[in-house]
């Protein structure tokens, strides 16, 4: 029996559903982080609070920085998921870019945007 070189269309459809679910959640989280940075939700006291509370301002700045980092990380995750969807459309999803072998289903379920097999990742 020959070794599989790519996942079947049914398997790709299963992974696509998984990725679309993760993508929707990631986009929702990204919007939440973005709103916390820009105060887009409008439910705070930013415009009415006294400005002499230095410690609170410092904490708010730190919180904005953290939210900014989280938003950047979330955006990168979204981009990786979108790239995985393109690989599904091209029927190259799940193929290790280093070894050319199929990445295990277990790994793809855990990290659906993975482009390296465990073997290749360990060799880095």
PDB file of N, CA and C in Angstrom:
ATOM      1  N   UNK A   1       0.834  -1.176   0.000  1.00  0.00           N
ATOM      2  CA  UNK A   1       0.000   0.000   0.000  1.00  0.00           C
ATOM      3  C   UNK A   1       0.884   1.247   0.000  1.00  0.00           C
ATOM      4  N   UNK A   2       0.548   2.195  -0.847  1.00  0.00           N
ATOM      5  CA  UNK A   2       1.361   3.407  -0.938  1.00  0.00           C
ATOM      6  C   UNK A   2       1.006   4.386   0.179  1.00  0.00           C
ATOM      7  N   UNK A   3       1.980   5.189   0.530  1.00  0.00           N
ATOM      8  CA  UNK A   3       1.786   6.174   1.591  1.00  0.00           C
ATOM      9  C   UNK A   3       0.963   7.348   1.054  1.00  0.00           C
ATOM     10  N   UNK A   4       0.033   7.833   1.888  1.00  0.00           N
ATOM     11  CA  UNK A   4      -0.796   8.966   1.487  1.00  0.00           C
ATOM     12  C   UNK A   4       0.068  10.210   1.307  1.00  0.00           C
ATOM     13  N   UNK A   5      -0.199  10.953   0.238  1.00  0.00           N
ATOM     14  CA  UNK A   5       0.569  12.167   0.001  1.00  0.00           C
ATOM     15  C   UNK A   5      -0.228  13.433   0.309  1.00  0.00           C
ATOM     16  N   UNK A   6      -1.554  13.282   0.469  1.00  0.00           N
ATOM     17  CA  UNK A   6      -2.378  14.432   0.858  1.00  0.00           C
ATOM     18  C   UNK A   6      -3.657  13.930   1.500  1.00  0.00           C
ATOM     19  N   UNK A   7      -4.339  14.825   2.204  1.00  0.00           N
ATOM     20  CA  UNK A   7      -5.602  14.461   2.832  1.00  0.00           C
ATOM     21  C   UNK A   7      -6.722  14.486   1.801  1.00  0.00           C
ATOM     22  N   UNK A   8      -7.719  13.639   2.009  1.00  0.00           N
ATOM     23  CA  UNK A   8      -8.863  13.568   1.098  1.00  0.00           C
ATOM     24  C   UNK A   8      -9.702  14.835   1.205  1.00  0.00           C
ATOM     25  N   UNK A   9     -10.582  15.035   0.239  1.00  0.00           N
ATOM     26  CA  UNK A   9     -11.458  16.209   0.250  1.00  0.00           C
ATOM     27  C   UNK A   9     -12.343  16.219   1.492  1.00  0.00           C
ATOM     28  N   UNK A  10     -12.800  15.044   1.928  1.00  0.00           N
ATOM     29  CA  UNK A  10     -13.633  14.956   3.134  1.00  0.00           C
ATOM     30  C   UNK A  10     -12.829  15.359   4.365  1.00  0.00           C
ATOM     31  N   UNK A  11     -11.589  14.903   4.444  1.00  0.00           N
ATOM     32  CA  UNK A  11     -10.734  15.271   5.577  1.00  0.00           C
ATOM     33  C   UNK A  11     -10.433  16.770   5.558  1.00  0.00           C
ATOM     34  N   UNK A  12     -10.187  17.309   4.363  1.00  0.00           N
ATOM     35  CA  UNK A  12      -9.930  18.747   4.232  1.00  0.00           C
ATOM     36  C   UNK A  12     -11.152  19.558   4.655  1.00  0.00           C
ATOM     37  N   UNK A  13     -12.341  19.067   4.325  1.00  0.00           N
ATOM     38  CA  UNK A  13     -13.580  19.751   4.719  1.00  0.00           C
ATOM     39  C   UNK A  13     -13.711  19.762   6.244  1.00  0.00           C
ATOM     40  N   UNK A  14     -13.335  18.655   6.882  1.00  0.00           N
ATOM     41  CA  UNK A  14     -13.372  18.584   8.351  1.00  0.00           C
ATOM     42  C   UNK A  14     -12.427  19.622   8.962  1.00  0.00           C
ATOM     43  N   UNK A  15     -11.209  19.717   8.415  1.00  0.00           N
ATOM     44  CA  UNK A  15     -10.247  20.693   8.916  1.00  0.00           C
ATOM     45  C   UNK A  15     -10.718  22.117   8.638  1.00  0.00           C
ATOM     46  N   UNK A  16     -11.375  22.317   7.506  1.00  0.00           N
ATOM     47  CA  UNK A  16     -11.876  23.650   7.162  1.00  0.00           C
ATOM     48  C   UNK A  16     -12.907  24.115   8.186  1.00  0.00           C
ATOM     49  N   UNK A  17     -13.798  23.211   8.583  1.00  0.00           N
ATOM     50  CA  UNK A  17     -14.797  23.553   9.599  1.00  0.00           C
ATOM     51  C   UNK A  17     -14.125  23.920  10.919  1.00  0.00           C
ATOM     52  N   UNK A  18     -13.125  23.144  11.308  1.00  0.00           N
ATOM     53  CA  UNK A  18     -12.379  23.409  12.535  1.00  0.00           C
ATOM     54  C   UNK A  18     -11.723  24.790  12.472  1.00  0.00           C
ATOM     55  N   UNK A  19     -11.086  25.085  11.354  1.00  0.00           N
ATOM     56  CA  UNK A  19     -10.387  26.362  11.191  1.00  0.00           C
ATOM     57  C   UNK A  19     -11.369  27.520  11.169  1.00  0.00           C
ATOM     58  N   UNK A  20     -12.491  27.366  10.478  1.00  0.00           N
ATOM     59  CA  UNK A  20     -13.480  28.442  10.420  1.00  0.00           C
ATOM     60  C   UNK A  20     -14.015  28.771  11.814  1.00  0.00           C
ATOM     61  N   UNK A  21     -14.205  27.754  12.642  1.00  0.00           N
ATOM     62  CA  UNK A  21     -14.649  27.979  14.016  1.00  0.00           C
ATOM     63  C   UNK A  21     -13.611  28.742  14.825  1.00  0.00           C
ATOM     64  N   UNK A  22     -12.354  28.331  14.695  1.00  0.00           N
ATOM     65  CA  UNK A  22     -11.273  29.015  15.413  1.00  0.00           C
ATOM     66  C   UNK A  22     -11.087  30.437  14.886  1.00  0.00           C
ATOM     67  N   UNK A  23     -11.263  30.612  13.586  1.00  0.00           N
ATOM     68  CA  UNK A  23     -11.119  31.928  12.975  1.00  0.00           C
ATOM     69  C   UNK A  23     -12.191  32.891  13.479  1.00  0.00           C
ATOM     70  N   UNK A  24     -13.415  32.428  13.582  1.00  0.00           N
ATOM     71  CA  UNK A  24     -14.508  33.279  14.078  1.00  0.00           C
ATOM     72  C   UNK A  24     -14.231  33.714  15.516  1.00  0.00           C
ATOM     73  N   UNK A  25     -13.778  32.788  16.348  1.00  0.00           N
ATOM     74  CA  UNK A  25     -13.468  33.126  17.742  1.00  0.00           C
ATOM     75  C   UNK A  25     -12.287  34.083  17.809  1.00  0.00           C
ATOM     76  N   UNK A  26     -11.270  33.842  16.992  1.00  0.00           N
ATOM     77  CA  UNK A  26     -10.077  34.694  16.996  1.00  0.00           C
ATOM     78  C   UNK A  26     -10.430  36.117  16.561  1.00  0.00           C
ATOM     79  N   UNK A  27     -11.295  36.257  15.566  1.00  0.00           N
ATOM     80  CA  UNK A  27     -11.690  37.585  15.107  1.00  0.00           C
ATOM     81  C   UNK A  27     -12.502  38.312  16.175  1.00  0.00           C
ATOM     82  N   UNK A  28     -13.338  37.581  16.872  1.00  0.00           N
ATOM     83  CA  UNK A  28     -14.127  38.168  17.965  1.00  0.00           C
ATOM     84  C   UNK A  28     -13.190  38.657  19.075  1.00  0.00           C
ATOM     85  N   UNK A  29     -12.205  37.831  19.432  1.00  0.00           N
ATOM     86  CA  UNK A  29     -11.233  38.216  20.461  1.00  0.00           C
ATOM     87  C   UNK A  29     -10.415  39.426  20.019  1.00  0.00           C
ATOM     88  N   UNK A  30     -10.027  39.450  18.740  1.00  0.00           N
ATOM     89  CA  UNK A  30      -9.248  40.569  18.207  1.00  0.00           C
ATOM     90  C   UNK A  30     -10.040  41.874  18.321  1.00  0.00           C
ATOM     91  N   UNK A  31     -11.307  41.828  17.983  1.00  0.00           N
ATOM     92  CA  UNK A  31     -12.155  43.024  18.091  1.00  0.00           C
ATOM     93  C   UNK A  31     -12.262  43.482  19.540  1.00  0.00           C
ATOM     94  N   UNK A  32     -12.346  42.533  20.463  1.00  0.00           N
ATOM     95  CA  UNK A  32     -12.419  42.872  21.886  1.00  0.00           C
ATOM     96  C   UNK A  32     -11.141  43.585  22.332  1.00  0.00           C
ATOM     97  N   UNK A  33      -9.970  43.059  21.926  1.00  0.00           N
ATOM     98  CA  UNK A  33      -8.706  43.691  22.283  1.00  0.00           C
ATOM     99  C   UNK A  33      -8.611  45.084  21.666  1.00  0.00           C
ATOM    100  N   UNK A  34      -9.006  45.182  20.411  1.00  0.00           N
ATOM    101  CA  UNK A  34      -8.955  46.466  19.717  1.00  0.00           C
ATOM    102  C   UNK A  34      -9.847  47.496  20.418  1.00  0.00           C
ATOM    103  N   UNK A  35     -11.037  47.077  20.814  1.00  0.00           N
ATOM    104  CA  UNK A  35     -11.953  47.982  21.514  1.00  0.00           C
ATOM    105  C   UNK A  35     -11.413  48.398  22.873  1.00  0.00           C
ATOM    106  N   UNK A  36     -10.706  47.496  23.539  1.00  0.00           N
ATOM    107  CA  UNK A  36     -10.166  47.856  24.845  1.00  0.00           C
ATOM    108  C   UNK A  36      -9.037  48.879  24.712  1.00  0.00           C
ATOM    109  N   UNK A  37      -8.355  48.872  23.588  1.00  0.00           N
ATOM    110  CA  UNK A  37      -7.289  49.844  23.352  1.00  0.00           C
ATOM    111  C   UNK A  37      -7.880  51.212  23.011  1.00  0.00           C
ATOM    112  N   UNK A  38      -8.868  51.209  22.153  1.00  0.00           N
ATOM    113  CA  UNK A  38      -9.430  52.469  21.656  1.00  0.00           C
ATOM    114  C   UNK A  38     -10.637  52.940  22.440  1.00  0.00           C
ATOM    115  N   UNK A  39     -11.016  52.192  23.447  1.00  0.00           N
ATOM    116  CA  UNK A  39     -12.220  52.476  24.229  1.00  0.00           C
ATOM    117  C   UNK A  39     -13.440  52.534  23.316  1.00  0.00           C
ATOM    118  N   UNK A  40     -13.456  51.636  22.346  1.00  0.00           N
ATOM    119  CA  UNK A  40     -14.547  51.590  21.379  1.00  0.00           C
ATOM    120  C   UNK A  40     -15.871  51.150  21.974  1.00  0.00           C
ATOM    121  N   UNK A  41     -15.830  50.491  23.112  1.00  0.00           N
ATOM    122  CA  UNK A  41     -17.085  50.046  23.698  1.00  0.00           C
ATOM    123  C   UNK A  41     -17.828  51.188  24.381  1.00  0.00           C
ATOM    124  N   UNK A  42     -17.124  52.257  24.745  1.00  0.00           N
ATOM    125  CA  UNK A  42     -17.763  53.443  25.294  1.00  0.00           C
ATOM    126  C   UNK A  42     -18.396  53.269  26.659  1.00  0.00           C
ATOM    127  N   UNK A  43     -18.082  52.204  27.369  1.00  0.00           N
ATOM    128  CA  UNK A  43     -18.692  51.961  28.676  1.00  0.00           C
ATOM    129  C   UNK A  43     -17.708  52.169  29.810  1.00  0.00           C
ATOM    130  N   UNK A  44     -16.896  53.219  29.707  1.00  0.00           N
ATOM    131  CA  UNK A  44     -15.956  53.463  30.787  1.00  0.00           C
ATOM    132  C   UNK A  44     -16.083  54.903  31.267  1.00  0.00           C
ATOM    133  N   UNK A  45     -15.233  55.253  32.225  1.00  0.00           N
ATOM    134  CA  UNK A  45     -15.273  56.611  32.784  1.00  0.00           C
ATOM    135  C   UNK A  45     -14.064  57.412  32.335  1.00  0.00           C
ATOM    136  N   UNK A  46     -13.472  57.037  31.217  1.00  0.00           N
ATOM    137  CA  UNK A  46     -12.252  57.673  30.729  1.00  0.00           C
ATOM    138  C   UNK A  46     -12.412  59.182  30.583  1.00  0.00           C
ATOM    139  N   UNK A  47     -13.560  59.635  30.102  1.00  0.00           N
ATOM    140  CA  UNK A  47     -13.733  61.061  29.869  1.00  0.00           C
ATOM    141  C   UNK A  47     -14.188  61.826  31.111  1.00  0.00           C
ATOM    142  N   UNK A  48     -14.556  61.137  32.176  1.00  0.00           N
ATOM    143  CA  UNK A  48     -15.035  61.823  33.379  1.00  0.00           C
ATOM    144  C   UNK A  48     -14.148  61.614  34.585  1.00  0.00           C
ATOM    145  N   UNK A  49     -13.190  60.728  34.508  1.00  0.00           N
ATOM    146  CA  UNK A  49     -12.358  60.447  35.682  1.00  0.00           C
ATOM    147  C   UNK A  49     -11.326  61.555  35.872  1.00  0.00           C
ATOM    148  N   UNK A  50     -10.983  61.871  37.127  1.00  0.00           N
ATOM    149  CA  UNK A  50      -9.971  62.905  37.375  1.00  0.00           C
ATOM    150  C   UNK A  50      -8.610  62.439  36.872  1.00  0.00           C
ATOM    151  N   UNK A  51      -7.826  63.365  36.376  1.00  0.00           N
ATOM    152  CA  UNK A  51      -6.539  63.003  35.783  1.00  0.00           C
ATOM    153  C   UNK A  51      -5.398  63.018  36.782  1.00  0.00           C
ATOM    154  N   UNK A  52      -5.663  63.305  38.028  1.00  0.00           N
ATOM    155  CA  UNK A  52      -4.582  63.373  39.015  1.00  0.00           C
ATOM    156  C   UNK A  52      -4.253  62.019  39.629  1.00  0.00           C
ATOM    157  N   UNK A  53      -4.918  60.985  39.249  1.00  0.00           N
ATOM    158  CA  UNK A  53      -4.662  59.659  39.810  1.00  0.00           C
ATOM    159  C   UNK A  53      -3.564  58.967  38.997  1.00  0.00           C
ATOM    160  N   UNK A  54      -2.332  59.272  39.327  1.00  0.00           N
ATOM    161  CA  UNK A  54      -1.181  58.813  38.554  1.00  0.00           C
ATOM    162  C   UNK A  54      -1.074  57.294  38.505  1.00  0.00           C
ATOM    163  N   UNK A  55      -1.261  56.628  39.618  1.00  0.00           N
ATOM    164  CA  UNK A  55      -1.137  55.170  39.626  1.00  0.00           C
ATOM    165  C   UNK A  55      -2.172  54.507  38.726  1.00  0.00           C
ATOM    166  N   UNK A  56      -3.383  55.013  38.738  1.00  0.00           N
ATOM    167  CA  UNK A  56      -4.421  54.447  37.883  1.00  0.00           C
ATOM    168  C   UNK A  56      -4.103  54.683  36.419  1.00  0.00           C
ATOM    169  N   UNK A  57      -3.547  55.854  36.108  1.00  0.00           N
ATOM    170  CA  UNK A  57      -3.172  56.139  34.719  1.00  0.00           C
ATOM    171  C   UNK A  57      -2.059  55.203  34.263  1.00  0.00           C
ATOM    172  N   UNK A  58      -1.109  54.952  35.167  1.00  0.00           N
ATOM    173  CA  UNK A  58      -0.024  54.029  34.833  1.00  0.00           C
ATOM    174  C   UNK A  58      -0.552  52.630  34.571  1.00  0.00           C
ATOM    175  N   UNK A  59      -1.489  52.211  35.400  1.00  0.00           N
ATOM    176  CA  UNK A  59      -2.084  50.882  35.209  1.00  0.00           C
ATOM    177  C   UNK A  59      -2.868  50.833  33.911  1.00  0.00           C
ATOM    178  N   UNK A  60      -3.552  51.925  33.584  1.00  0.00           N
ATOM    179  CA  UNK A  60      -4.326  51.960  32.340  1.00  0.00           C
ATOM    180  C   UNK A  60      -3.406  51.897  31.133  1.00  0.00           C
ATOM    181  N   UNK A  61      -2.262  52.582  31.202  1.00  0.00           N
ATOM    182  CA  UNK A  61      -1.295  52.546  30.105  1.00  0.00           C
ATOM    183  C   UNK A  61      -0.729  51.149  29.942  1.00  0.00           C
ATOM    184  N   UNK A  62      -0.390  50.524  31.062  1.00  0.00           N
ATOM    185  CA  UNK A  62       0.129  49.159  31.019  1.00  0.00           C
ATOM    186  C   UNK A  62      -0.918  48.217  30.436  1.00  0.00           C
ATOM    187  N   UNK A  63      -2.155  48.410  30.841  1.00  0.00           N
ATOM    188  CA  UNK A  63      -3.238  47.580  30.339  1.00  0.00           C
ATOM    189  C   UNK A  63      -3.397  47.752  28.828  1.00  0.00           C
ATOM    190  N   UNK A  64      -3.272  48.990  28.355  1.00  0.00           N
ATOM    191  CA  UNK A  64      -3.360  49.246  26.910  1.00  0.00           C
ATOM    192  C   UNK A  64      -2.213  48.577  26.168  1.00  0.00           C
ATOM    193  N   UNK A  65      -1.011  48.627  26.736  1.00  0.00           N
ATOM    194  CA  UNK A  65       0.146  47.988  26.105  1.00  0.00           C
ATOM    195  C   UNK A  65      -0.060  46.480  26.013  1.00  0.00           C
ATOM    196  N   UNK A  66      -0.539  45.894  27.100  1.00  0.00           N
ATOM    197  CA  UNK A  66      -0.797  44.451  27.102  1.00  0.00           C
ATOM    198  C   UNK A  66      -1.875  44.095  26.078  1.00  0.00           C
ATOM    199  N   UNK A  67      -2.931  44.898  26.042  1.00  0.00           N
ATOM    200  CA  UNK A  67      -4.000  44.648  25.074  1.00  0.00           C
ATOM    201  C   UNK A  67      -3.470  44.796  23.650  1.00  0.00           C
ATOM    202  N   UNK A  68      -2.564  45.736  23.457  1.00  0.00           N
ATOM    203  CA  UNK A  68      -1.959  45.918  22.137  1.00  0.00           C
ATOM    204  C   UNK A  68      -1.150  44.701  21.722  1.00  0.00           C
ATOM    205  N   UNK A  69      -0.377  44.168  22.653  1.00  0.00           N
ATOM    206  CA  UNK A  69       0.417  42.964  22.368  1.00  0.00           C
ATOM    207  C   UNK A  69      -0.494  41.777  22.066  1.00  0.00           C
ATOM    208  N   UNK A  70      -1.547  41.645  22.852  1.00  0.00           N
ATOM    209  CA  UNK A  70      -2.489  40.546  22.635  1.00  0.00           C
ATOM    210  C   UNK A  70      -3.194  40.702  21.284  1.00  0.00           C
ATOM    211  N   UNK A  71      -3.539  41.941  20.934  1.00  0.00           N
ATOM    212  CA  UNK A  71      -4.195  42.186  19.647  1.00  0.00           C
ATOM    213  C   UNK A  71      -3.263  41.828  18.491  1.00  0.00           C
ATOM    214  N   UNK A  72      -1.985  42.202  18.602  1.00  0.00           N
ATOM    215  CA  UNK A  72      -1.014  41.861  17.559  1.00  0.00           C
ATOM    216  C   UNK A  72      -0.864  40.348  17.424  1.00  0.00           C
ATOM    217  N   UNK A  73      -0.790  39.679  18.549  1.00  0.00           N
ATOM    218  CA  UNK A  73      -0.651  38.219  18.537  1.00  0.00           C
ATOM    219  C   UNK A  73      -1.884  37.562  17.921  1.00  0.00           C
ATOM    220  N   UNK A  74      -3.053  38.106  18.267  1.00  0.00           N
ATOM    221  CA  UNK A  74      -4.306  37.563  17.743  1.00  0.00           C
ATOM    222  C   UNK A  74      -4.386  37.778  16.231  1.00  0.00           C
ATOM    223  N   UNK A  75      -3.946  38.947  15.762  1.00  0.00           N
ATOM    224  CA  UNK A  75      -3.954  39.243  14.328  1.00  0.00           C
ATOM    225  C   UNK A  75      -3.032  38.280  13.575  1.00  0.00           C
ATOM    226  N   UNK A  76      -1.883  37.991  14.155  1.00  0.00           N
ATOM    227  CA  UNK A  76      -0.949  37.033  13.545  1.00  0.00           C
ATOM    228  C   UNK A  76      -1.586  35.642  13.468  1.00  0.00           C
ATOM    229  N   UNK A  77      -2.287  35.241  14.527  1.00  0.00           N
ATOM    230  CA  UNK A  77      -2.989  33.958  14.552  1.00  0.00           C
ATOM    231  C   UNK A  77      -4.054  33.910  13.454  1.00  0.00           C
ATOM    232  N   UNK A  78      -4.799  35.007  13.295  1.00  0.00           N
ATOM    233  CA  UNK A  78      -5.829  35.092  12.252  1.00  0.00           C
ATOM    234  C   UNK A  78      -5.194  34.928  10.878  1.00  0.00           C
ATOM    235  N   UNK A  79      -4.071  35.581  10.655  1.00  0.00           N
ATOM    236  CA  UNK A  79      -3.382  35.473   9.368  1.00  0.00           C
ATOM    237  C   UNK A  79      -2.919  34.044   9.094  1.00  0.00           C
ATOM    238  N   UNK A  80      -2.433  33.367  10.134  1.00  0.00           N
ATOM    239  CA  UNK A  80      -2.013  31.968   9.968  1.00  0.00           C
ATOM    240  C   UNK A  80      -3.212  31.070   9.641  1.00  0.00           C
ATOM    241  N   UNK A  81      -4.342  31.315  10.294  1.00  0.00           N
ATOM    242  CA  UNK A  81      -5.545  30.527  10.001  1.00  0.00           C
ATOM    243  C   UNK A  81      -6.031  30.777   8.579  1.00  0.00           C
ATOM    244  N   UNK A  82      -5.979  32.025   8.134  1.00  0.00           N
ATOM    245  CA  UNK A  82      -6.393  32.347   6.762  1.00  0.00           C
ATOM    246  C   UNK A  82      -5.468  31.686   5.743  1.00  0.00           C
ATOM    247  N   UNK A  83      -4.178  31.649   6.049  1.00  0.00           N
ATOM    248  CA  UNK A  83      -3.230  30.960   5.168  1.00  0.00           C
ATOM    249  C   UNK A  83      -3.534  29.468   5.121  1.00  0.00           C
ATOM    250  N   UNK A  84      -3.940  28.896   6.248  1.00  0.00           N
ATOM    251  CA  UNK A  84      -4.306  27.474   6.285  1.00  0.00           C
ATOM    252  C   UNK A  84      -5.525  27.219   5.401  1.00  0.00           C
ATOM    253  N   UNK A  85      -6.489  28.138   5.402  1.00  0.00           N
ATOM    254  CA  UNK A  85      -7.665  27.989   4.532  1.00  0.00           C
ATOM    255  C   UNK A  85      -7.257  28.014   3.053  1.00  0.00           C
ATOM    256  N   UNK A  86      -6.283  28.841   2.716  1.00  0.00           N
ATOM    257  CA  UNK A  86      -5.792  28.881   1.332  1.00  0.00           C
ATOM    258  C   UNK A  86      -5.132  27.554   0.976  1.00  0.00           C
ATOM    259  N   UNK A  87      -4.368  26.998   1.922  1.00  0.00           N
ATOM    260  CA  UNK A  87      -3.738  25.691   1.668  1.00  0.00           C
ATOM    261  C   UNK A  87      -4.788  24.603   1.487  1.00  0.00           C
ATOM    262  N   UNK A  88      -5.904  24.721   2.202  1.00  0.00           N
ATOM    263  CA  UNK A  88      -6.989  23.747   2.022  1.00  0.00           C
ATOM    264  C   UNK A  88      -7.554  23.868   0.614  1.00  0.00           C
ATOM    265  N   UNK A  89      -7.793  25.094   0.165  1.00  0.00           N
ATOM    266  CA  UNK A  89      -8.324  25.311  -1.190  1.00  0.00           C
ATOM    267  C   UNK A  89      -7.354  24.789  -2.248  1.00  0.00           C
ATOM    268  N   UNK A  90      -6.059  24.919  -1.994  1.00  0.00           N
ATOM    269  CA  UNK A  90      -5.030  24.437  -2.933  1.00  0.00           C
ATOM    270  C   UNK A  90      -4.739  22.950  -2.771  1.00  0.00           C
ATOM    271  N   UNK A  91      -5.378  22.336  -1.773  1.00  0.00           N
ATOM    272  CA  UNK A  91      -5.202  20.920  -1.451  1.00  0.00           C
ATOM    273  C   UNK A  91      -3.763  20.580  -1.046  1.00  0.00           C
ATOM    274  N   UNK A  92      -3.091  21.559  -0.445  1.00  0.00           N
ATOM    275  CA  UNK A  92      -1.742  21.324   0.076  1.00  0.00           C
ATOM    276  C   UNK A  92      -1.727  21.362   1.597  1.00  0.00           C
ATOM    277  N   UNK A  93      -2.903  21.479   2.207  1.00  0.00           N
ATOM    278  CA  UNK A  93      -3.004  21.554   3.665  1.00  0.00           C
ATOM    279  C   UNK A  93      -2.558  20.243   4.289  1.00  0.00           C
ATOM    280  N   UNK A  94      -1.804  20.359   5.373  1.00  0.00           N
ATOM    281  CA  UNK A  94      -1.397  19.175   6.125  1.00  0.00           C
ATOM    282  C   UNK A  94      -0.120  18.535   5.635  1.00  0.00           C
ATOM    283  N   UNK A  95       0.514  19.147   4.651  1.00  0.00           N
ATOM    284  CA  UNK A  95       1.781  18.614   4.140  1.00  0.00           C
ATOM    285  C   UNK A  95       2.908  19.428   4.773  1.00  0.00           C
ATOM    286  N   UNK A  96       3.834  18.743   5.421  1.00  0.00           N
ATOM    287  CA  UNK A  96       4.952  19.401   6.085  1.00  0.00           C
ATOM    288  C   UNK A  96       5.817  20.122   5.057  1.00  0.00           C
ATOM    289  N   UNK A  97       6.113  21.379   5.313  1.00  0.00           N
ATOM    290  CA  UNK A  97       6.909  22.155   4.352  1.00  0.00           C
ATOM    291  C   UNK A  97       8.379  21.780   4.391  1.00  0.00           C
ATOM    292  N   UNK A  98       8.782  21.025   5.395  1.00  0.00           N
ATOM    293  CA  UNK A  98      10.172  20.606   5.510  1.00  0.00           C
ATOM    294  C   UNK A  98      10.379  19.197   4.961  1.00  0.00           C
ATOM    295  N   UNK A  99       9.564  18.247   5.436  1.00  0.00           N
ATOM    296  CA  UNK A  99       9.762  16.848   5.050  1.00  0.00           C
ATOM    297  C   UNK A  99       8.923  16.434   3.843  1.00  0.00           C
ATOM    298  N   UNK A 100       7.842  17.151   3.570  1.00  0.00           N
ATOM    299  CA  UNK A 100       6.943  16.778   2.476  1.00  0.00           C
ATOM    300  C   UNK A 100       5.974  15.670   2.841  1.00  0.00           C
ATOM    301  N   UNK A 101       6.042  15.194   4.071  1.00  0.00           N
ATOM    302  CA  UNK A 101       5.135  14.142   4.537  1.00  0.00           C
ATOM    303  C   UNK A 101       3.894  14.770   5.165  1.00  0.00           C
ATOM    304  N   UNK A 102       2.866  13.943   5.360  1.00  0.00           N
ATOM    305  CA  UNK A 102       1.648  14.449   5.995  1.00  0.00           C
ATOM    306  C   UNK A 102       1.879  14.714   7.475  1.00  0.00           C
ATOM    307  N   UNK A 103       1.349  15.832   7.936  1.00  0.00           N
ATOM    308  CA  UNK A 103       1.360  16.160   9.351  1.00  0.00           C
ATOM    309  C   UNK A 103       0.231  15.350   9.991  1.00  0.00           C
ATOM    310  N   UNK A 104       0.460  14.818  11.164  1.00  0.00           N
ATOM    311  CA  UNK A 104      -0.549  13.964  11.797  1.00  0.00           C
ATOM    312  C   UNK A 104      -1.833  14.746  12.066  1.00  0.00           C
ATOM    313  N   UNK A 105      -2.949  14.020  11.987  1.00  0.00           N
ATOM    314  CA  UNK A 105      -4.252  14.644  12.237  1.00  0.00           C
ATOM    315  C   UNK A 105      -4.329  15.194  13.659  1.00  0.00           C
ATOM    316  N   UNK A 106      -3.733  14.492  14.602  1.00  0.00           N
ATOM    317  CA  UNK A 106      -3.764  14.940  15.988  1.00  0.00           C
ATOM    318  C   UNK A 106      -3.103  16.310  16.124  1.00  0.00           C
ATOM    319  N   UNK A 107      -1.963  16.485  15.451  1.00  0.00           N
ATOM    320  CA  UNK A 107      -1.263  17.777  15.496  1.00  0.00           C
ATOM    321  C   UNK A 107      -2.104  18.858  14.828  1.00  0.00           C
ATOM    322  N   UNK A 108      -2.711  18.548  13.697  1.00  0.00           N
ATOM    323  CA  UNK A 108      -3.513  19.545  12.987  1.00  0.00           C
ATOM    324  C   UNK A 108      -4.776  19.914  13.760  1.00  0.00           C
ATOM    325  N   UNK A 109      -5.308  18.983  14.511  1.00  0.00           N
ATOM    326  CA  UNK A 109      -6.480  19.311  15.337  1.00  0.00           C
ATOM    327  C   UNK A 109      -6.082  20.241  16.485  1.00  0.00           C
ATOM    328  N   UNK A 110      -4.882  20.028  17.021  1.00  0.00           N
ATOM    329  CA  UNK A 110      -4.400  20.863  18.126  1.00  0.00           C
ATOM    330  C   UNK A 110      -3.896  22.219  17.621  1.00  0.00           C
ATOM    331  N   UNK A 111      -3.178  22.199  16.491  1.00  0.00           N
ATOM    332  CA  UNK A 111      -2.606  23.416  15.901  1.00  0.00           C
ATOM    333  C   UNK A 111      -2.987  23.426  14.422  1.00  0.00           C
ATOM    334  N   UNK A 112      -4.200  23.865  14.091  1.00  0.00           N
ATOM    335  CA  UNK A 112      -4.687  23.731  12.718  1.00  0.00           C
ATOM    336  C   UNK A 112      -3.922  24.538  11.669  1.00  0.00           C
ATOM    337  N   UNK A 113      -3.107  25.483  12.094  1.00  0.00           N
ATOM    338  CA  UNK A 113      -2.338  26.266  11.133  1.00  0.00           C
ATOM    339  C   UNK A 113      -0.894  25.763  10.998  1.00  0.00           C
ATOM    340  N   UNK A 114      -0.600  24.602  11.574  1.00  0.00           N
ATOM    341  CA  UNK A 114       0.756  24.052  11.546  1.00  0.00           C
ATOM    342  C   UNK A 114       1.210  23.784  10.116  1.00  0.00           C
ATOM    343  N   UNK A 115       2.478  24.096   9.853  1.00  0.00           N
ATOM    344  CA  UNK A 115       3.062  23.797   8.543  1.00  0.00           C
ATOM    345  C   UNK A 115       4.236  22.833   8.661  1.00  0.00           C
ATOM    346  N   UNK A 116       4.550  22.445   9.904  1.00  0.00           N
ATOM    347  CA  UNK A 116       5.637  21.502  10.142  1.00  0.00           C
ATOM    348  C   UNK A 116       5.128  20.311  10.942  1.00  0.00           C
ATOM    349  N   UNK A 117       5.628  19.139  10.606  1.00  0.00           N
ATOM    350  CA  UNK A 117       5.309  17.950  11.388  1.00  0.00           C
ATOM    351  C   UNK A 117       6.084  18.024  12.702  1.00  0.00           C
ATOM    352  N   UNK A 118       5.726  17.181  13.643  1.00  0.00           N
ATOM    353  CA  UNK A 118       6.442  17.132  14.926  1.00  0.00           C
ATOM    354  C   UNK A 118       7.914  16.814  14.682  1.00  0.00           C
ATOM    355  N   UNK A 119       8.166  15.883  13.780  1.00  0.00           N
ATOM    356  CA  UNK A 119       9.536  15.486  13.445  1.00  0.00           C
ATOM    357  C   UNK A 119      10.348  16.699  12.972  1.00  0.00           C
ATOM    358  N   UNK A 120       9.789  17.466  12.043  1.00  0.00           N
ATOM    359  CA  UNK A 120      10.494  18.639  11.523  1.00  0.00           C
ATOM    360  C   UNK A 120      10.646  19.717  12.583  1.00  0.00           C
ATOM    361  N   UNK A 121       9.620  19.886  13.397  1.00  0.00           N
ATOM    362  CA  UNK A 121       9.665  20.904  14.461  1.00  0.00           C
ATOM    363  C   UNK A 121      10.741  20.574  15.471  1.00  0.00           C
ATOM    364  N   UNK A 122      10.875  19.294  15.821  1.00  0.00           N
ATOM    365  CA  UNK A 122      11.902  18.878  16.776  1.00  0.00           C
ATOM    366  C   UNK A 122      13.305  19.025  16.222  1.00  0.00           C
ATOM    367  N   UNK A 123      13.460  18.961  14.909  1.00  0.00           N
ATOM    368  CA  UNK A 123      14.763  19.083  14.272  1.00  0.00           C
ATOM    369  C   UNK A 123      15.220  20.533  14.115  1.00  0.00           C
ATOM    370  N   UNK A 124      14.350  21.476  14.418  1.00  0.00           N
ATOM    371  CA  UNK A 124      14.728  22.886  14.267  1.00  0.00           C
ATOM    372  C   UNK A 124      15.724  23.314  15.302  1.00  0.00           C
TER     373      UNK A 124
END
